[in-house]
Amino acid sequence: MQYRDVELRGIPVITRSGQKIGKLAAFVIDAERHEVAQYVVSRSSLLARILPDEMLVHRAQVISLDSEMMVVDDGVVAERSAERKIQQPVEAAAGGASSAEG
């Protein structure tokens, strides 16, 4: 199914376990491949007080997406981008140990 950006912006973003982490704010487009590379999620005001107010979610971390809600892997919360820069996907994201030193 295809959606226009106006249909998706502002939908709630939750983890697989049901934790609400924010709302879908924008998309990062890979211009060479003509595809969404990452999603920008804005945090709720309560979470933004203790965590960065935005986070980047790689498309491989998205479990489902429709006009009502986006569901992401539980590990997304731990992988927020404090540097706020676009990062390349981690190839071993499917269950291996990652070297997330921060």
PDB file of N, CA and C in Angstrom:
ATOM      1  N   MET A   1       0.840  -1.175   0.000  1.00  0.00           N
ATOM      2  CA  MET A   1       0.000   0.000   0.000  1.00  0.00           C
ATOM      3  C   MET A   1       0.886   1.239   0.000  1.00  0.00           C
ATOM      4  N   GLN A   2       0.435   2.278  -0.612  1.00  0.00           N
ATOM      5  CA  GLN A   2       1.174   3.534  -0.666  1.00  0.00           C
ATOM      6  C   GLN A   2       0.403   4.622   0.066  1.00  0.00           C
ATOM      7  N   TYR A   3       1.161   5.507   0.735  1.00  0.00           N
ATOM      8  CA  TYR A   3       0.564   6.617   1.479  1.00  0.00           C
ATOM      9  C   TYR A   3       1.271   7.904   1.100  1.00  0.00           C
ATOM     10  N   ARG A   4       0.533   8.999   1.110  1.00  0.00           N
ATOM     11  CA  ARG A   4       1.131  10.322   0.945  1.00  0.00           C
ATOM     12  C   ARG A   4       1.718  10.736   2.290  1.00  0.00           C
ATOM     13  N   ASP A   5       2.709  11.600   2.261  1.00  0.00           N
ATOM     14  CA  ASP A   5       3.341  12.022   3.506  1.00  0.00           C
ATOM     15  C   ASP A   5       2.353  12.677   4.469  1.00  0.00           C
ATOM     16  N   VAL A   6       1.381  13.407   3.957  1.00  0.00           N
ATOM     17  CA  VAL A   6       0.411  14.063   4.838  1.00  0.00           C
ATOM     18  C   VAL A   6      -0.473  13.054   5.566  1.00  0.00           C
ATOM     19  N   GLU A   7      -0.589  11.854   5.030  1.00  0.00           N
ATOM     20  CA  GLU A   7      -1.381  10.810   5.691  1.00  0.00           C
ATOM     21  C   GLU A   7      -0.611  10.163   6.840  1.00  0.00           C
ATOM     22  N   LEU A   8       0.714  10.266   6.823  1.00  0.00           N
ATOM     23  CA  LEU A   8       1.540   9.591   7.820  1.00  0.00           C
ATOM     24  C   LEU A   8       2.112  10.515   8.884  1.00  0.00           C
ATOM     25  N   ARG A   9       2.357  11.745   8.555  1.00  0.00           N
ATOM     26  CA  ARG A   9       2.943  12.665   9.538  1.00  0.00           C
ATOM     27  C   ARG A   9       2.004  12.832  10.723  1.00  0.00           C
ATOM     28  N   GLY A  10       2.564  12.666  11.911  1.00  0.00           N
ATOM     29  CA  GLY A  10       1.774  12.832  13.128  1.00  0.00           C
ATOM     30  C   GLY A  10       1.177  11.551  13.679  1.00  0.00           C
ATOM     31  N   ILE A  11       1.327  10.427  12.962  1.00  0.00           N
ATOM     32  CA  ILE A  11       0.775   9.184  13.513  1.00  0.00           C
ATOM     33  C   ILE A  11       1.630   8.740  14.690  1.00  0.00           C
ATOM     34  N   PRO A  12       1.037   8.047  15.669  1.00  0.00           N
ATOM     35  CA  PRO A  12       1.820   7.580  16.812  1.00  0.00           C
ATOM     36  C   PRO A  12       2.827   6.509  16.404  1.00  0.00           C
ATOM     37  N   VAL A  13       3.978   6.528  17.076  1.00  0.00           N
ATOM     38  CA  VAL A  13       5.018   5.525  16.875  1.00  0.00           C
ATOM     39  C   VAL A  13       5.172   4.786  18.191  1.00  0.00           C
ATOM     40  N   ILE A  14       5.006   3.467  18.134  1.00  0.00           N
ATOM     41  CA  ILE A  14       5.133   2.642  19.335  1.00  0.00           C
ATOM     42  C   ILE A  14       6.098   1.501  19.073  1.00  0.00           C
ATOM     43  N   THR A  15       6.613   0.936  20.160  1.00  0.00           N
ATOM     44  CA  THR A  15       7.470  -0.237  20.037  1.00  0.00           C
ATOM     45  C   THR A  15       6.594  -1.487  19.975  1.00  0.00           C
ATOM     46  N   ARG A  16       7.211  -2.594  19.596  1.00  0.00           N
ATOM     47  CA  ARG A  16       6.505  -3.867  19.520  1.00  0.00           C
ATOM     48  C   ARG A  16       5.841  -4.210  20.859  1.00  0.00           C
ATOM     49  N   SER A  17       6.484  -3.836  21.965  1.00  0.00           N
ATOM     50  CA  SER A  17       5.936  -4.148  23.286  1.00  0.00           C
ATOM     51  C   SER A  17       4.891  -3.134  23.747  1.00  0.00           C
ATOM     52  N   GLY A  18       4.601  -2.118  22.931  1.00  0.00           N
ATOM     53  CA  GLY A  18       3.526  -1.184  23.241  1.00  0.00           C
ATOM     54  C   GLY A  18       3.945   0.135  23.845  1.00  0.00           C
ATOM     55  N   GLN A  19       5.246   0.401  23.972  1.00  0.00           N
ATOM     56  CA  GLN A  19       5.706   1.667  24.538  1.00  0.00           C
ATOM     57  C   GLN A  19       5.577   2.768  23.490  1.00  0.00           C
ATOM     58  N   LYS A  20       4.863   3.847  23.815  1.00  0.00           N
ATOM     59  CA  LYS A  20       4.735   4.966  22.892  1.00  0.00           C
ATOM     60  C   LYS A  20       6.015   5.787  22.957  1.00  0.00           C
ATOM     61  N   ILE A  21       6.631   6.015  21.801  1.00  0.00           N
ATOM     62  CA  ILE A  21       7.885   6.772  21.797  1.00  0.00           C
ATOM     63  C   ILE A  21       7.760   8.130  21.121  1.00  0.00           C
ATOM     64  N   GLY A  22       6.658   8.388  20.457  1.00  0.00           N
ATOM     65  CA  GLY A  22       6.471   9.698  19.848  1.00  0.00           C
ATOM     66  C   GLY A  22       5.565   9.641  18.644  1.00  0.00           C
ATOM     67  N   LYS A  23       5.778  10.613  17.739  1.00  0.00           N
ATOM     68  CA  LYS A  23       4.975  10.714  16.520  1.00  0.00           C
ATOM     69  C   LYS A  23       5.895  10.833  15.318  1.00  0.00           C
ATOM     70  N   LEU A  24       5.438  10.319  14.189  1.00  0.00           N
ATOM     71  CA  LEU A  24       6.205  10.400  12.959  1.00  0.00           C
ATOM     72  C   LEU A  24       6.226  11.852  12.488  1.00  0.00           C
ATOM     73  N   ALA A  25       7.431  12.416  12.370  1.00  0.00           N
ATOM     74  CA  ALA A  25       7.572  13.834  12.026  1.00  0.00           C
ATOM     75  C   ALA A  25       8.015  14.062  10.590  1.00  0.00           C
ATOM     76  N   ALA A  26       8.894  13.202  10.073  1.00  0.00           N
ATOM     77  CA  ALA A  26       9.456  13.429   8.737  1.00  0.00           C
ATOM     78  C   ALA A  26      10.097  12.149   8.230  1.00  0.00           C
ATOM     79  N   PHE A  27      10.609  12.233   7.010  1.00  0.00           N
ATOM     80  CA  PHE A  27      11.288  11.112   6.370  1.00  0.00           C
ATOM     81  C   PHE A  27      12.651  11.576   5.881  1.00  0.00           C
ATOM     82  N   VAL A  28      13.614  10.671   5.880  1.00  0.00           N
ATOM     83  CA  VAL A  28      14.911  10.928   5.267  1.00  0.00           C
ATOM     84  C   VAL A  28      14.941  10.062   4.011  1.00  0.00           C
ATOM     85  N   ILE A  29      15.121  10.696   2.870  1.00  0.00           N
ATOM     86  CA  ILE A  29      15.066  10.000   1.590  1.00  0.00           C
ATOM     87  C   ILE A  29      16.475   9.728   1.067  1.00  0.00           C
ATOM     88  N   ASP A  30      16.706   8.507   0.604  1.00  0.00           N
ATOM     89  CA  ASP A  30      17.932   8.152  -0.098  1.00  0.00           C
ATOM     90  C   ASP A  30      17.698   8.536  -1.553  1.00  0.00           C
ATOM     91  N   ALA A  31      18.308   9.627  -1.987  1.00  0.00           N
ATOM     92  CA  ALA A  31      18.056  10.166  -3.323  1.00  0.00           C
ATOM     93  C   ALA A  31      18.578   9.250  -4.430  1.00  0.00           C
ATOM     94  N   GLU A  32      19.638   8.501  -4.162  1.00  0.00           N
ATOM     95  CA  GLU A  32      20.171   7.599  -5.178  1.00  0.00           C
ATOM     96  C   GLU A  32      19.257   6.405  -5.420  1.00  0.00           C
ATOM     97  N   ARG A  33      18.676   5.885  -4.349  1.00  0.00           N
ATOM     98  CA  ARG A  33      17.811   4.704  -4.465  1.00  0.00           C
ATOM     99  C   ARG A  33      16.334   5.043  -4.584  1.00  0.00           C
ATOM    100  N   HIS A  34      15.995   6.297  -4.370  1.00  0.00           N
ATOM    101  CA  HIS A  34      14.592   6.738  -4.436  1.00  0.00           C
ATOM    102  C   HIS A  34      13.725   5.973  -3.433  1.00  0.00           C
ATOM    103  N   GLU A  35      14.182   5.925  -2.167  1.00  0.00           N
ATOM    104  CA  GLU A  35      13.442   5.222  -1.137  1.00  0.00           C
ATOM    105  C   GLU A  35      13.645   5.898   0.219  1.00  0.00           C
ATOM    106  N   VAL A  36      12.751   5.590   1.140  1.00  0.00           N
ATOM    107  CA  VAL A  36      12.892   6.102   2.503  1.00  0.00           C
ATOM    108  C   VAL A  36      14.056   5.371   3.165  1.00  0.00           C
ATOM    109  N   ALA A  37      15.001   6.131   3.690  1.00  0.00           N
ATOM    110  CA  ALA A  37      16.146   5.554   4.387  1.00  0.00           C
ATOM    111  C   ALA A  37      15.886   5.484   5.885  1.00  0.00           C
ATOM    112  N   GLN A  38      15.320   6.561   6.434  1.00  0.00           N
ATOM    113  CA  GLN A  38      15.057   6.645   7.862  1.00  0.00           C
ATOM    114  C   GLN A  38      13.801   7.464   8.091  1.00  0.00           C
ATOM    115  N   TYR A  39      13.243   7.295   9.282  1.00  0.00           N
ATOM    116  CA  TYR A  39      12.074   8.057   9.708  1.00  0.00           C
ATOM    117  C   TYR A  39      12.491   8.923  10.891  1.00  0.00           C
ATOM    118  N   VAL A  40      12.022  10.157  10.922  1.00  0.00           N
ATOM    119  CA  VAL A  40      12.286  11.054  12.042  1.00  0.00           C
ATOM    120  C   VAL A  40      11.072  10.993  12.969  1.00  0.00           C
ATOM    121  N   VAL A  41      11.318  10.630  14.228  1.00  0.00           N
ATOM    122  CA  VAL A  41      10.253  10.518  15.224  1.00  0.00           C
ATOM    123  C   VAL A  41      10.456  11.605  16.256  1.00  0.00           C
ATOM    124  N   SER A  42       9.431  12.427  16.455  1.00  0.00           N
ATOM    125  CA  SER A  42       9.508  13.451  17.499  1.00  0.00           C
ATOM    126  C   SER A  42       8.933  12.862  18.778  1.00  0.00           C
ATOM    127  N   ARG A  43       9.612  13.103  19.849  1.00  0.00           N
ATOM    128  CA  ARG A  43       9.211  12.563  21.146  1.00  0.00           C
ATOM    129  C   ARG A  43       8.068  13.366  21.732  1.00  0.00           C
ATOM    130  N   SER A  44       7.333  12.718  22.612  1.00  0.00           N
ATOM    131  CA  SER A  44       6.317  13.452  23.366  1.00  0.00           C
ATOM    132  C   SER A  44       7.036  14.427  24.290  1.00  0.00           C
ATOM    133  N   SER A  45       6.353  15.473  24.719  1.00  0.00           N
ATOM    134  CA  SER A  45       6.996  16.499  25.550  1.00  0.00           C
ATOM    135  C   SER A  45       7.549  15.923  26.842  1.00  0.00           C
ATOM    136  N   LEU A  46       6.886  14.937  27.415  1.00  0.00           N
ATOM    137  CA  LEU A  46       7.367  14.320  28.650  1.00  0.00           C
ATOM    138  C   LEU A  46       8.687  13.597  28.421  1.00  0.00           C
ATOM    139  N   LEU A  47       8.775  12.785  27.365  1.00  0.00           N
ATOM    140  CA  LEU A  47      10.012  12.062  27.082  1.00  0.00           C
ATOM    141  C   LEU A  47      11.122  12.987  26.615  1.00  0.00           C
ATOM    142  N   ALA A  48      10.774  14.080  25.925  1.00  0.00           N
ATOM    143  CA  ALA A  48      11.785  15.002  25.425  1.00  0.00           C
ATOM    144  C   ALA A  48      12.535  15.684  26.566  1.00  0.00           C
ATOM    145  N   ARG A  49      11.968  15.717  27.740  1.00  0.00           N
ATOM    146  CA  ARG A  49      12.661  16.328  28.887  1.00  0.00           C
ATOM    147  C   ARG A  49      13.851  15.492  29.323  1.00  0.00           C
ATOM    148  N   ILE A  50      13.772  14.161  29.135  1.00  0.00           N
ATOM    149  CA  ILE A  50      14.860  13.295  29.590  1.00  0.00           C
ATOM    150  C   ILE A  50      15.636  12.651  28.447  1.00  0.00           C
ATOM    151  N   LEU A  51      15.094  12.684  27.236  1.00  0.00           N
ATOM    152  CA  LEU A  51      15.737  12.100  26.067  1.00  0.00           C
ATOM    153  C   LEU A  51      15.746  13.137  24.949  1.00  0.00           C
ATOM    154  N   PRO A  52      16.546  12.921  23.910  1.00  0.00           N
ATOM    155  CA  PRO A  52      16.525  13.874  22.778  1.00  0.00           C
ATOM    156  C   PRO A  52      15.113  14.005  22.222  1.00  0.00           C
ATOM    157  N   ASP A  53      14.779  15.196  21.726  1.00  0.00           N
ATOM    158  CA  ASP A  53      13.416  15.434  21.264  1.00  0.00           C
ATOM    159  C   ASP A  53      13.119  14.808  19.903  1.00  0.00           C
ATOM    160  N   GLU A  54      14.145  14.329  19.205  1.00  0.00           N
ATOM    161  CA  GLU A  54      13.963  13.619  17.951  1.00  0.00           C
ATOM    162  C   GLU A  54      14.861  12.400  17.929  1.00  0.00           C
ATOM    163  N   MET A  55      14.436  11.398  17.181  1.00  0.00           N
ATOM    164  CA  MET A  55      15.278  10.233  16.974  1.00  0.00           C
ATOM    165  C   MET A  55      15.104   9.758  15.551  1.00  0.00           C
ATOM    166  N   LEU A  56      16.124   9.082  15.031  1.00  0.00           N
ATOM    167  CA  LEU A  56      16.078   8.522  13.689  1.00  0.00           C
ATOM    168  C   LEU A  56      15.830   7.027  13.785  1.00  0.00           C
ATOM    169  N   VAL A  57      14.904   6.543  12.986  1.00  0.00           N
ATOM    170  CA  VAL A  57      14.580   5.118  12.954  1.00  0.00           C
ATOM    171  C   VAL A  57      14.888   4.617  11.548  1.00  0.00           C
ATOM    172  N   HIS A  58      15.792   3.659  11.443  1.00  0.00           N
ATOM    173  CA  HIS A  58      16.120   3.085  10.139  1.00  0.00           C
ATOM    174  C   HIS A  58      14.947   2.257   9.647  1.00  0.00           C
ATOM    175  N   ARG A  59      14.745   2.233   8.359  1.00  0.00           N
ATOM    176  CA  ARG A  59      13.592   1.518   7.795  1.00  0.00           C
ATOM    177  C   ARG A  59      13.599   0.040   8.137  1.00  0.00           C
ATOM    178  N   ALA A  60      14.779  -0.558   8.370  1.00  0.00           N
ATOM    179  CA  ALA A  60      14.859  -1.972   8.742  1.00  0.00           C
ATOM    180  C   ALA A  60      14.299  -2.224  10.142  1.00  0.00           C
ATOM    181  N   GLN A  61      14.164  -1.182  10.955  1.00  0.00           N
ATOM    182  CA  GLN A  61      13.646  -1.322  12.313  1.00  0.00           C
ATOM    183  C   GLN A  61      12.129  -1.198  12.386  1.00  0.00           C
ATOM    184  N   VAL A  62      11.495  -0.907  11.253  1.00  0.00           N
ATOM    185  CA  VAL A  62      10.046  -0.734  11.215  1.00  0.00           C
ATOM    186  C   VAL A  62       9.378  -2.091  11.016  1.00  0.00           C
ATOM    187  N   ILE A  63       8.485  -2.427  11.932  1.00  0.00           N
ATOM    188  CA  ILE A  63       7.746  -3.692  11.845  1.00  0.00           C
ATOM    189  C   ILE A  63       6.502  -3.520  10.993  1.00  0.00           C
ATOM    190  N   SER A  64       5.764  -2.448  11.231  1.00  0.00           N
ATOM    191  CA  SER A  64       4.573  -2.174  10.425  1.00  0.00           C
ATOM    192  C   SER A  64       4.332  -0.673  10.370  1.00  0.00           C
ATOM    193  N   LEU A  65       3.653  -0.268   9.309  1.00  0.00           N
ATOM    194  CA  LEU A  65       3.354   1.139   9.102  1.00  0.00           C
ATOM    195  C   LEU A  65       2.071   1.244   8.297  1.00  0.00           C
ATOM    196  N   ASP A  66       1.124   2.009   8.822  1.00  0.00           N
ATOM    197  CA  ASP A  66      -0.090   2.323   8.071  1.00  0.00           C
ATOM    198  C   ASP A  66      -0.537   3.723   8.484  1.00  0.00           C
ATOM    199  N   SER A  67      -1.685   4.144   8.025  1.00  0.00           N
ATOM    200  CA  SER A  67      -2.126   5.514   8.299  1.00  0.00           C
ATOM    201  C   SER A  67      -2.568   5.722   9.741  1.00  0.00           C
ATOM    202  N   GLU A  68      -2.582   4.670  10.540  1.00  0.00           N
ATOM    203  CA  GLU A  68      -2.997   4.766  11.946  1.00  0.00           C
ATOM    204  C   GLU A  68      -1.823   4.743  12.926  1.00  0.00           C
ATOM    205  N   MET A  69      -0.739   4.011  12.589  1.00  0.00           N
ATOM    206  CA  MET A  69       0.316   3.781  13.562  1.00  0.00           C
ATOM    207  C   MET A  69       1.567   3.209  12.892  1.00  0.00           C
ATOM    208  N   MET A  70       2.715   3.485  13.505  1.00  0.00           N
ATOM    209  CA  MET A  70       3.976   2.867  13.107  1.00  0.00           C
ATOM    210  C   MET A  70       4.470   2.042  14.284  1.00  0.00           C
ATOM    211  N   VAL A  71       4.816   0.778  14.043  1.00  0.00           N
ATOM    212  CA  VAL A  71       5.337  -0.097  15.082  1.00  0.00           C
ATOM    213  C   VAL A  71       6.795  -0.396  14.742  1.00  0.00           C
ATOM    214  N   VAL A  72       7.677  -0.208  15.738  1.00  0.00           N
ATOM    215  CA  VAL A  72       9.115  -0.388  15.533  1.00  0.00           C
ATOM    216  C   VAL A  72       9.663  -1.404  16.527  1.00  0.00           C
ATOM    217  N   ASP A  73      10.872  -1.900  16.242  1.00  0.00           N
ATOM    218  CA  ASP A  73      11.533  -2.823  17.157  1.00  0.00           C
ATOM    219  C   ASP A  73      11.708  -2.189  18.531  1.00  0.00           C
ATOM    220  N   ASP A  74      11.676  -2.998  19.570  1.00  0.00           N
ATOM    221  CA  ASP A  74      11.874  -2.498  20.926  1.00  0.00           C
ATOM    222  C   ASP A  74      13.248  -1.853  21.095  1.00  0.00           C
ATOM    223  N   GLY A  75      14.260  -2.327  20.409  1.00  0.00           N
ATOM    224  CA  GLY A  75      15.611  -1.805  20.528  1.00  0.00           C
ATOM    225  C   GLY A  75      15.795  -0.409  19.984  1.00  0.00           C
ATOM    226  N   VAL A  76      14.824   0.124  19.257  1.00  0.00           N
ATOM    227  CA  VAL A  76      14.944   1.457  18.678  1.00  0.00           C
ATOM    228  C   VAL A  76      15.186   2.506  19.747  1.00  0.00           C
ATOM    229  N   VAL A  77      14.559   2.379  20.880  1.00  0.00           N
ATOM    230  CA  VAL A  77      14.711   3.372  21.949  1.00  0.00           C
ATOM    231  C   VAL A  77      16.174   3.461  22.374  1.00  0.00           C
ATOM    232  N   ALA A  78      16.864   2.330  22.436  1.00  0.00           N
ATOM    233  CA  ALA A  78      18.263   2.330  22.836  1.00  0.00           C
ATOM    234  C   ALA A  78      19.185   2.814  21.725  1.00  0.00           C
ATOM    235  N   GLU A  79      18.688   2.885  20.496  1.00  0.00           N
ATOM    236  CA  GLU A  79      19.528   3.253  19.374  1.00  0.00           C
ATOM    237  C   GLU A  79      19.270   4.664  18.880  1.00  0.00           C
ATOM    238  N   ARG A  80      18.769   5.539  19.736  1.00  0.00           N
ATOM    239  CA  ARG A  80      18.487   6.902  19.299  1.00  0.00           C
ATOM    240  C   ARG A  80      19.786   7.599  18.899  1.00  0.00           C
ATOM    241  N   SER A  81      19.688   8.551  18.039  1.00  0.00           N
ATOM    242  CA  SER A  81      20.859   9.239  17.509  1.00  0.00           C
ATOM    243  C   SER A  81      21.065  10.561  18.236  1.00  0.00           C
ATOM    244  N   ALA A  82      21.938  10.570  19.219  1.00  0.00           N
ATOM    245  CA  ALA A  82      22.215  11.785  19.978  1.00  0.00           C
ATOM    246  C   ALA A  82      22.930  12.815  19.100  1.00  0.00           C
ATOM    247  N   GLU A  83      23.654  12.345  18.104  1.00  0.00           N
ATOM    248  CA  GLU A  83      24.383  13.267  17.241  1.00  0.00           C
ATOM    249  C   GLU A  83      23.469  13.919  16.216  1.00  0.00           C
ATOM    250  N   ARG A  84      22.285  13.398  16.017  1.00  0.00           N
ATOM    251  CA  ARG A  84      21.306  13.898  15.053  1.00  0.00           C
ATOM    252  C   ARG A  84      21.863  13.961  13.639  1.00  0.00           C
ATOM    253  N   LYS A  85      22.572  12.934  13.264  1.00  0.00           N
ATOM    254  CA  LYS A  85      23.041  12.850  11.897  1.00  0.00           C
ATOM    255  C   LYS A  85      22.554  11.545  11.296  1.00  0.00           C
ATOM    256  N   ILE A  86      22.491  11.492  10.021  1.00  0.00           N
ATOM    257  CA  ILE A  86      22.033  10.292   9.341  1.00  0.00           C
ATOM    258  C   ILE A  86      23.122   9.241   9.443  1.00  0.00           C
ATOM    259  N   GLN A  87      22.736   8.051   9.877  1.00  0.00           N
ATOM    260  CA  GLN A  87      23.693   6.977  10.050  1.00  0.00           C
ATOM    261  C   GLN A  87      23.397   5.863   9.075  1.00  0.00           C
ATOM    262  N   GLN A  88      24.424   5.148   8.697  1.00  0.00           N
ATOM    263  CA  GLN A  88      24.255   3.997   7.823  1.00  0.00           C
ATOM    264  C   GLN A  88      23.654   2.863   8.630  1.00  0.00           C
ATOM    265  N   PRO A  89      22.867   1.984   8.005  1.00  0.00           N
ATOM    266  CA  PRO A  89      22.246   0.877   8.727  1.00  0.00           C
ATOM    267  C   PRO A  89      23.287  -0.104   9.232  1.00  0.00           C
ATOM    268  N   VAL A  90      22.993  -0.718  10.352  1.00  0.00           N
ATOM    269  CA  VAL A  90      23.844  -1.755  10.904  1.00  0.00           C
ATOM    270  C   VAL A  90      23.439  -3.058  10.242  1.00  0.00           C
ATOM    271  N   GLU A  91      24.348  -3.685   9.514  1.00  0.00           N
ATOM    272  CA  GLU A  91      24.034  -4.880   8.757  1.00  0.00           C
ATOM    273  C   GLU A  91      23.671  -6.054   9.650  1.00  0.00           C
ATOM    274  N   ALA A  92      24.212  -6.137  10.858  1.00  0.00           N
ATOM    275  CA  ALA A  92      23.951  -7.261  11.745  1.00  0.00           C
ATOM    276  C   ALA A  92      22.815  -6.979  12.692  1.00  0.00           C
ATOM    277  N   ALA A  93      21.833  -6.192  12.255  1.00  0.00           N
ATOM    278  CA  ALA A  93      20.729  -5.802  13.133  1.00  0.00           C
ATOM    279  C   ALA A  93      19.805  -6.944  13.469  1.00  0.00           C
ATOM    280  N   ALA A  94      19.880  -8.033  12.756  1.00  0.00           N
ATOM    281  CA  ALA A  94      18.928  -9.134  12.949  1.00  0.00           C
ATOM    282  C   ALA A  94      19.422 -10.106  14.023  1.00  0.00           C
ATOM    283  N   GLY A  95      19.665  -9.596  15.238  1.00  0.00           N
ATOM    284  CA  GLY A  95      19.888 -10.484  16.360  1.00  0.00           C
ATOM    285  C   GLY A  95      21.320 -10.649  16.806  1.00  0.00           C
ATOM    286  N   GLY A  96      22.276  -9.999  16.184  1.00  0.00           N
ATOM    287  CA  GLY A  96      23.660 -10.113  16.642  1.00  0.00           C
ATOM    288  C   GLY A  96      23.989  -9.046  17.646  1.00  0.00           C
ATOM    289  N   ALA A  97      25.139  -9.189  18.266  1.00  0.00           N
ATOM    290  CA  ALA A  97      25.587  -8.162  19.196  1.00  0.00           C
ATOM    291  C   ALA A  97      26.060  -6.968  18.404  1.00  0.00           C
ATOM    292  N   SER A  98      25.684  -5.800  18.811  1.00  0.00           N
ATOM    293  CA  SER A  98      26.122  -4.592  18.107  1.00  0.00           C
ATOM    294  C   SER A  98      27.122  -3.860  18.953  1.00  0.00           C
ATOM    295  N   SER A  99      27.970  -3.118  18.320  1.00  0.00           N
ATOM    296  CA  SER A  99      28.989  -2.373  19.064  1.00  0.00           C
ATOM    297  C   SER A  99      28.503  -0.945  19.266  1.00  0.00           C
ATOM    298  N   ALA A 100      27.474  -0.783  20.058  1.00  0.00           N
ATOM    299  CA  ALA A 100      26.900   0.537  20.328  1.00  0.00           C
ATOM    300  C   ALA A 100      27.563   1.119  21.545  1.00  0.00           C
ATOM    301  N   GLU A 101      28.681   1.785  21.326  1.00  0.00           N
ATOM    302  CA  GLU A 101      29.370   2.433  22.430  1.00  0.00           C
ATOM    303  C   GLU A 101      28.962   3.880  22.452  1.00  0.00           C
ATOM    304  N   GLY A 102      28.580   4.375  23.587  1.00  0.00           N
ATOM    305  CA  GLY A 102      28.098   5.728  23.518  1.00  0.00           C
ATOM    306  C   GLY A 102      28.475   6.527  24.616  1.00  0.00           C
TER     307      GLY A 102
END
